[in-house]
Amino acid sequence: MQGLAVVLFPVLLMLFALFMERVENRLRKLLEPSEEVQQYLDRASNAEVSELAKLGVPPAAARLPRRRGGDNLDVAAAS
């Protein structure tokens, strides 16, 4: 019985590592910033980015003034 455990442990560990790699890849794709977010961060001032990081996206977006009238992003619905 102990010999079987010695053989199965590395195999199960490898399968777990492969599974976790797949989970990590899916999470990485989900967490990539969208093009709109990247454009906002490129245009934003340091103060705006600091407030965004401190408060979180929906509260910070509500406190920041709109830059353009036609550029209405519903950040709360996107998050």
N, C-alpha and C. Protein backbone atom coordinates (compact mmCIF):
# COMPACT_ATOMS: atom_id res chain seq x y z
N MET A 1 0.81 -1.20 0.00
CA MET A 1 0.00 0.00 0.00
C MET A 1 0.86 1.26 0.00
N GLN A 2 1.92 1.24 0.77
CA GLN A 2 2.79 2.40 0.85
C GLN A 2 3.51 2.63 -0.49
N GLY A 3 3.85 1.57 -1.19
CA GLY A 3 4.50 1.70 -2.49
C GLY A 3 3.59 2.34 -3.52
N LEU A 4 2.30 2.01 -3.45
CA LEU A 4 1.33 2.60 -4.36
C LEU A 4 1.21 4.11 -4.11
N ALA A 5 1.23 4.53 -2.85
CA ALA A 5 1.14 5.94 -2.52
C ALA A 5 2.37 6.69 -3.02
N VAL A 6 3.53 6.06 -2.96
CA VAL A 6 4.77 6.68 -3.43
C VAL A 6 4.72 6.90 -4.94
N VAL A 7 4.07 6.00 -5.64
CA VAL A 7 3.96 6.13 -7.09
C VAL A 7 2.86 7.12 -7.48
N LEU A 8 1.73 7.10 -6.77
CA LEU A 8 0.60 7.95 -7.13
C LEU A 8 0.81 9.42 -6.76
N PHE A 9 1.54 9.70 -5.70
CA PHE A 9 1.70 11.08 -5.27
C PHE A 9 2.31 11.96 -6.35
N PRO A 10 3.43 11.60 -6.98
CA PRO A 10 3.96 12.47 -8.04
C PRO A 10 3.01 12.63 -9.23
N VAL A 11 2.30 11.57 -9.57
CA VAL A 11 1.36 11.64 -10.69
C VAL A 11 0.22 12.60 -10.34
N LEU A 12 -0.34 12.49 -9.15
CA LEU A 12 -1.42 13.38 -8.74
C LEU A 12 -0.92 14.82 -8.61
N LEU A 13 0.28 14.99 -8.14
CA LEU A 13 0.85 16.33 -8.03
C LEU A 13 1.01 16.96 -9.42
N MET A 14 1.46 16.19 -10.39
CA MET A 14 1.62 16.70 -11.75
C MET A 14 0.27 17.04 -12.36
N LEU A 15 -0.74 16.21 -12.16
CA LEU A 15 -2.07 16.50 -12.67
C LEU A 15 -2.65 17.77 -12.03
N PHE A 16 -2.42 17.93 -10.74
CA PHE A 16 -2.88 19.13 -10.05
C PHE A 16 -2.18 20.37 -10.62
N ALA A 17 -0.87 20.28 -10.87
CA ALA A 17 -0.13 21.41 -11.42
C ALA A 17 -0.64 21.77 -12.82
N LEU A 18 -0.93 20.78 -13.65
CA LEU A 18 -1.46 21.04 -14.98
C LEU A 18 -2.84 21.69 -14.91
N PHE A 19 -3.67 21.21 -13.99
CA PHE A 19 -5.00 21.79 -13.81
C PHE A 19 -4.88 23.25 -13.36
N MET A 20 -4.01 23.53 -12.42
CA MET A 20 -3.85 24.89 -11.92
C MET A 20 -3.29 25.82 -13.00
N GLU A 21 -2.47 25.30 -13.90
CA GLU A 21 -1.96 26.11 -15.01
C GLU A 21 -3.10 26.53 -15.93
N ARG A 22 -4.01 25.62 -16.19
CA ARG A 22 -5.17 25.95 -17.03
C ARG A 22 -6.05 27.00 -16.35
N VAL A 23 -6.26 26.86 -15.05
CA VAL A 23 -7.05 27.84 -14.31
C VAL A 23 -6.36 29.20 -14.36
N GLU A 24 -5.05 29.22 -14.17
CA GLU A 24 -4.30 30.48 -14.20
C GLU A 24 -4.40 31.16 -15.57
N ASN A 25 -4.30 30.38 -16.64
CA ASN A 25 -4.41 30.96 -17.99
C ASN A 25 -5.79 31.57 -18.23
N ARG A 26 -6.83 30.89 -17.77
CA ARG A 26 -8.19 31.44 -17.94
C ARG A 26 -8.36 32.71 -17.12
N LEU A 27 -7.85 32.72 -15.90
CA LEU A 27 -7.95 33.93 -15.07
C LEU A 27 -7.16 35.08 -15.67
N ARG A 28 -6.01 34.77 -16.23
CA ARG A 28 -5.19 35.82 -16.85
C ARG A 28 -5.94 36.46 -18.01
N LYS A 29 -6.63 35.65 -18.82
CA LYS A 29 -7.41 36.19 -19.94
C LYS A 29 -8.58 37.04 -19.45
N LEU A 30 -9.22 36.61 -18.36
CA LEU A 30 -10.34 37.37 -17.81
C LEU A 30 -9.90 38.69 -17.20
N LEU A 31 -8.70 38.73 -16.65
CA LEU A 31 -8.25 39.91 -15.92
C LEU A 31 -7.45 40.89 -16.77
N GLU A 32 -7.26 40.59 -18.05
CA GLU A 32 -6.57 41.54 -18.92
C GLU A 32 -7.42 42.79 -19.05
N PRO A 33 -6.80 43.95 -18.96
CA PRO A 33 -7.59 45.17 -19.09
C PRO A 33 -8.14 45.31 -20.51
N SER A 34 -9.39 45.74 -20.59
CA SER A 34 -9.98 45.94 -21.90
C SER A 34 -9.35 47.15 -22.56
N GLU A 35 -9.62 47.33 -23.83
CA GLU A 35 -9.04 48.45 -24.58
C GLU A 35 -9.50 49.79 -24.01
N GLU A 36 -10.77 49.87 -23.58
CA GLU A 36 -11.29 51.11 -23.00
C GLU A 36 -10.58 51.45 -21.69
N VAL A 37 -10.34 50.44 -20.87
CA VAL A 37 -9.65 50.66 -19.60
C VAL A 37 -8.22 51.11 -19.86
N GLN A 38 -7.56 50.47 -20.81
CA GLN A 38 -6.19 50.83 -21.12
C GLN A 38 -6.11 52.27 -21.65
N GLN A 39 -7.06 52.66 -22.49
CA GLN A 39 -7.08 54.04 -23.00
C GLN A 39 -7.31 55.03 -21.87
N TYR A 40 -8.20 54.71 -20.94
CA TYR A 40 -8.44 55.59 -19.80
C TYR A 40 -7.18 55.75 -18.96
N LEU A 41 -6.51 54.64 -18.69
CA LEU A 41 -5.30 54.71 -17.87
C LEU A 41 -4.19 55.48 -18.58
N ASP A 42 -4.15 55.40 -19.90
CA ASP A 42 -3.16 56.17 -20.65
C ASP A 42 -3.43 57.67 -20.57
N ARG A 43 -4.72 58.07 -20.52
CA ARG A 43 -5.09 59.49 -20.49
C ARG A 43 -5.17 60.05 -19.08
N ALA A 44 -5.34 59.21 -18.09
CA ALA A 44 -5.62 59.67 -16.73
C ALA A 44 -4.39 60.29 -16.08
N SER A 45 -4.64 61.21 -15.18
CA SER A 45 -3.56 61.83 -14.41
C SER A 45 -3.18 60.90 -13.26
N ASN A 46 -2.07 61.18 -12.62
CA ASN A 46 -1.62 60.37 -11.49
C ASN A 46 -2.63 60.41 -10.34
N ALA A 47 -3.25 61.55 -10.11
CA ALA A 47 -4.23 61.66 -9.03
C ALA A 47 -5.45 60.78 -9.31
N GLU A 48 -5.89 60.77 -10.56
CA GLU A 48 -7.04 59.94 -10.92
C GLU A 48 -6.72 58.46 -10.77
N VAL A 49 -5.54 58.06 -11.18
CA VAL A 49 -5.15 56.65 -11.05
C VAL A 49 -5.00 56.28 -9.59
N SER A 50 -4.44 57.18 -8.78
CA SER A 50 -4.30 56.91 -7.34
C SER A 50 -5.65 56.74 -6.68
N GLU A 51 -6.60 57.60 -7.04
CA GLU A 51 -7.95 57.49 -6.47
C GLU A 51 -8.63 56.21 -6.92
N LEU A 52 -8.43 55.85 -8.17
CA LEU A 52 -8.98 54.60 -8.70
C LEU A 52 -8.44 53.41 -7.92
N ALA A 53 -7.15 53.40 -7.66
CA ALA A 53 -6.54 52.29 -6.93
C ALA A 53 -6.98 52.26 -5.48
N LYS A 54 -7.17 53.44 -4.88
CA LYS A 54 -7.53 53.51 -3.46
C LYS A 54 -8.99 53.13 -3.23
N LEU A 55 -9.89 53.64 -4.04
CA LEU A 55 -11.32 53.46 -3.81
C LEU A 55 -11.93 52.26 -4.53
N GLY A 56 -11.34 51.85 -5.62
CA GLY A 56 -11.95 50.83 -6.45
C GLY A 56 -12.61 51.49 -7.65
N VAL A 57 -12.95 50.72 -8.64
CA VAL A 57 -13.43 51.27 -9.90
C VAL A 57 -14.78 51.99 -9.79
N PRO A 58 -15.85 51.38 -9.32
CA PRO A 58 -17.15 52.09 -9.33
C PRO A 58 -17.17 53.37 -8.49
N PRO A 59 -16.68 53.38 -7.23
CA PRO A 59 -16.71 54.64 -6.48
C PRO A 59 -15.83 55.72 -7.10
N ALA A 60 -14.65 55.34 -7.60
CA ALA A 60 -13.75 56.33 -8.20
C ALA A 60 -14.37 56.90 -9.47
N ALA A 61 -15.01 56.07 -10.26
CA ALA A 61 -15.62 56.55 -11.50
C ALA A 61 -16.77 57.52 -11.19
N ALA A 62 -17.48 57.29 -10.11
CA ALA A 62 -18.58 58.18 -9.75
C ALA A 62 -18.06 59.54 -9.28
N ARG A 63 -16.88 59.58 -8.68
CA ARG A 63 -16.34 60.83 -8.15
C ARG A 63 -15.60 61.65 -9.21
N LEU A 64 -15.12 61.00 -10.26
CA LEU A 64 -14.35 61.72 -11.27
C LEU A 64 -15.29 62.39 -12.27
N PRO A 65 -14.96 63.60 -12.69
CA PRO A 65 -15.81 64.27 -13.68
C PRO A 65 -15.66 63.61 -15.05
N ARG A 66 -16.73 63.68 -15.83
CA ARG A 66 -16.69 63.14 -17.19
C ARG A 66 -15.81 64.02 -18.05
N ARG A 67 -14.96 63.42 -18.84
CA ARG A 67 -14.06 64.20 -19.70
C ARG A 67 -14.77 64.71 -20.94
N ARG A 68 -15.61 63.85 -21.52
CA ARG A 68 -16.35 64.24 -22.73
C ARG A 68 -17.80 63.85 -22.54
N GLY A 69 -18.68 64.64 -23.12
CA GLY A 69 -20.11 64.37 -22.97
C GLY A 69 -20.55 63.08 -23.62
N GLY A 70 -19.98 62.71 -24.77
CA GLY A 70 -20.42 61.51 -25.49
C GLY A 70 -19.73 60.25 -25.04
N ASP A 71 -18.79 60.35 -24.12
CA ASP A 71 -18.00 59.19 -23.71
C ASP A 71 -18.55 58.65 -22.39
N ASN A 72 -19.75 58.11 -22.41
CA ASN A 72 -20.37 57.62 -21.18
C ASN A 72 -20.07 56.14 -21.01
N LEU A 73 -19.21 55.86 -20.07
CA LEU A 73 -18.86 54.48 -19.75
C LEU A 73 -19.55 54.11 -18.46
N ASP A 74 -20.31 53.04 -18.47
CA ASP A 74 -20.95 52.57 -17.25
C ASP A 74 -19.99 51.59 -16.59
N VAL A 75 -19.14 52.11 -15.72
CA VAL A 75 -18.10 51.30 -15.09
C VAL A 75 -18.72 50.31 -14.12
N ALA A 76 -19.76 50.69 -13.43
CA ALA A 76 -20.38 49.80 -12.47
C ALA A 76 -20.98 48.57 -13.17
N ALA A 77 -21.54 48.75 -14.34
CA ALA A 77 -22.10 47.62 -15.08
C ALA A 77 -21.00 46.75 -15.67
N ALA A 78 -19.85 47.33 -15.95
CA ALA A 78 -18.76 46.55 -16.55
C ALA A 78 -18.03 45.72 -15.51
N SER A 79 -18.11 46.11 -14.24
CA SER A 79 -17.36 45.37 -13.23
C SER A 79 -18.16 44.27 -12.60
